[in-house]
Every structure is written in C-alpha cells, then in structure tokens.
C-alpha cells in the first residue's frame, strides 16, 4: 500500500513525516531547509510510493488565515506543479507546534534538546499525520 506523507512547511525549516506501508503509524522522517523541499521530495518519491501528501494549513485562533498563509500557498502551488500526480490535502495545523513541544517535555527531553526547532517541526508533522490517520480510521 502506498504511503501518506505530511509536510509542516515553514519559512526556514520544513518538518516531514510519513506513514508505514499499511498507513497505520506516522513517523517523523526529517526536517530540512524549506528551500530544499521540492528537490528532496523528487528524490524521496523516486524511491517510495506516496499516494497523498498532507500540507499544514496555518490558521489563527478565529479560523482566519495566518500571516504565513501566502508563503505556504506558494509552496502548495509549486508542489502541485512539480508533482501533479500526487493528491494534496490541506489540514489544519493549529496547535501542532505546541503539542510537539509538550510531547518533547513529556518524553523527558532535556531543555537543550527541546530548543532544537527542527525536531519540533518534525514532531509537528508527525502529529498532523497521526491525527489524520486517527480521523480516517473512524
């Protein structure tokens, strides 16, 4: 079965998570500089079968688009141009970074380890993907 990939796209860094072959478990894949996402994915998609990509949709608490929305919309358009055969689904990413940070605390990571913003982005993508999988199972 093909995998599902989740992208937590940011101005500087992008967290990426992926499912197992059975689309049951989400795992962090990596965090990379945002300007390298498309080349990274070209290489990844040439090796792995991915059926769908979830891309976080940043919103403010009131549901309105956040200030980073134009940057992410440009990335979504670039992604669709580069990979027209892969379905894109936008998902609400509110609270994923806060949940990722709390997960790091709950996991017992040291203060120094919790300052690794790349790890926060990767965990946020994993949370986004696992939440999607949980809703899909219902």
Protein backbone atom coordinates (compact mmCIF):
# COMPACT_ATOMS: atom_id res chain seq x y z
CA UNK A 1 0.00 0.00 0.00
CA UNK A 2 1.39 3.46 -0.81
CA UNK A 3 2.40 5.82 1.98
CA UNK A 4 0.96 9.15 3.06
CA UNK A 5 3.38 11.98 3.73
CA UNK A 6 2.80 15.08 5.88
CA UNK A 7 4.58 18.40 5.48
CA UNK A 8 4.81 21.09 8.14
CA UNK A 9 6.13 23.83 5.85
CA UNK A 10 7.78 26.84 7.41
CA UNK A 11 9.67 29.89 6.25
CA UNK A 12 13.06 28.47 7.31
CA UNK A 13 12.51 24.77 8.05
CA UNK A 14 10.09 22.08 6.99
CA UNK A 15 9.20 19.03 9.04
CA UNK A 16 8.27 15.87 7.17
CA UNK A 17 6.54 12.74 8.47
CA UNK A 18 5.44 9.58 6.69
CA UNK A 19 3.25 6.57 7.33
CA UNK A 20 4.30 2.95 7.32
CA UNK A 21 3.29 0.80 4.34
CA UNK A 22 -0.05 -0.06 5.94
CA UNK A 23 -0.90 3.61 6.68
CA UNK A 24 -1.33 2.90 10.39
CA UNK A 25 1.61 4.60 12.09
CA UNK A 26 3.08 8.05 11.46
CA UNK A 27 6.80 8.54 11.98
CA UNK A 28 8.99 11.58 11.69
CA UNK A 29 11.13 11.43 8.56
CA UNK A 30 13.29 14.56 8.72
CA UNK A 31 13.49 18.32 8.96
CA UNK A 32 15.11 20.14 6.06
CA UNK A 33 15.67 23.73 4.96
CA UNK A 34 12.47 24.89 3.25
CA UNK A 35 14.23 25.90 0.05
CA UNK A 36 15.25 22.25 -0.46
CA UNK A 37 11.82 20.63 -0.08
CA UNK A 38 10.98 20.09 -3.77
CA UNK A 39 14.39 18.55 -4.66
CA UNK A 40 14.25 16.39 -1.50
CA UNK A 41 10.77 15.15 -2.41
CA UNK A 42 11.79 14.39 -6.01
CA UNK A 43 14.43 12.04 -4.66
CA UNK A 44 12.12 10.59 -1.99
CA UNK A 45 9.23 9.97 -4.43
CA UNK A 46 11.57 8.21 -6.84
CA UNK A 47 12.28 5.63 -4.11
CA UNK A 48 8.97 5.45 -2.21
CA UNK A 49 5.37 5.07 -3.35
CA UNK A 50 3.38 8.01 -1.94
CA UNK A 51 -0.33 8.35 -2.71
CA UNK A 52 -1.15 11.53 -0.83
CA UNK A 53 0.58 14.49 0.79
CA UNK A 54 -0.91 16.42 3.67
CA UNK A 55 0.19 20.02 3.92
CA UNK A 56 -0.47 22.00 7.06
CA UNK A 57 -2.81 24.95 6.75
CA UNK A 58 -1.92 27.65 9.28
CA UNK A 59 -4.87 29.43 10.82
CA UNK A 60 -5.34 31.91 13.61
CA UNK A 61 -7.45 31.03 16.62
CA UNK A 62 -10.52 32.62 14.97
CA UNK A 63 -10.12 30.39 11.90
CA UNK A 64 -8.78 33.16 9.68
CA UNK A 65 -5.61 32.57 7.63
CA UNK A 66 -2.35 33.36 9.44
CA UNK A 67 0.32 35.74 8.19
CA UNK A 68 2.33 32.80 6.80
CA UNK A 69 -0.55 31.65 4.57
CA UNK A 70 0.74 33.33 1.36
CA UNK A 71 4.13 31.60 1.74
CA UNK A 72 2.51 28.22 2.22
CA UNK A 73 0.05 28.79 -0.63
CA UNK A 74 3.02 29.45 -2.93
CA UNK A 75 4.62 26.20 -1.75
CA UNK A 76 1.36 24.29 -2.40
CA UNK A 77 1.27 25.71 -5.95
CA UNK A 78 4.95 24.81 -6.51
CA UNK A 79 4.29 21.30 -5.16
CA UNK A 80 1.28 20.82 -7.48
CA UNK A 81 3.38 21.90 -10.45
CA UNK A 82 6.27 19.60 -9.54
CA UNK A 83 4.10 16.60 -8.61
CA UNK A 84 0.75 16.83 -10.45
CA UNK A 85 0.12 13.09 -9.96
CA UNK A 86 0.16 13.26 -6.14
CA UNK A 87 -3.02 14.25 -4.33
CA UNK A 88 -2.64 17.13 -1.87
CA UNK A 89 -4.89 17.55 1.13
CA UNK A 90 -4.72 20.62 3.35
CA UNK A 91 -5.14 20.05 7.09
CA UNK A 92 -5.50 22.45 9.99
CA UNK A 93 -2.18 22.70 11.77
CA UNK A 94 -3.25 24.85 14.72
CA UNK A 95 -1.62 23.70 17.95
CA UNK A 96 0.68 21.12 16.32
CA UNK A 97 3.85 23.01 17.29
CA UNK A 98 2.62 23.46 20.85
CA UNK A 99 1.64 19.79 21.01
CA UNK A 100 5.06 18.84 19.61
CA UNK A 101 6.83 20.88 22.28
CA UNK A 102 4.68 19.31 25.00
CA UNK A 103 5.45 15.87 23.58
CA UNK A 104 9.15 16.66 23.89
CA UNK A 105 8.66 17.63 27.55
CA UNK A 106 6.57 14.53 28.24
CA UNK A 107 9.26 12.38 26.60
CA UNK A 108 11.82 13.66 29.05
CA UNK A 109 13.97 15.54 26.56
CA UNK A 110 16.38 17.99 28.13
CA UNK A 111 15.91 21.73 27.81
CA UNK A 112 18.76 21.82 25.29
CA UNK A 113 17.12 19.09 23.19
CA UNK A 114 13.78 20.94 23.30
CA UNK A 115 15.47 24.00 21.79
CA UNK A 116 16.02 22.05 18.57
CA UNK A 117 13.39 23.77 16.41
CA UNK A 118 13.94 21.26 13.63
CA UNK A 119 12.86 18.46 15.92
CA UNK A 120 9.75 20.45 16.86
CA UNK A 121 8.88 20.78 13.15
CA UNK A 122 9.36 17.06 12.54
CA UNK A 123 7.24 16.12 15.54
CA UNK A 124 4.58 18.64 14.47
CA UNK A 125 4.39 16.95 11.04
CA UNK A 126 4.12 13.57 12.77
CA UNK A 127 1.27 14.80 14.98
CA UNK A 128 -0.51 16.26 11.95
CA UNK A 129 -0.22 12.92 10.15
CA UNK A 130 -1.17 10.73 13.11
CA UNK A 131 -4.23 12.92 13.76
CA UNK A 132 -5.24 12.50 10.12
CA UNK A 133 -4.81 8.72 10.35
CA UNK A 134 -6.87 8.59 13.55
CA UNK A 135 -9.72 10.51 11.92
CA UNK A 136 -9.53 8.31 8.83
CA UNK A 137 -9.98 5.17 10.95
CA UNK A 138 -13.23 6.41 12.50
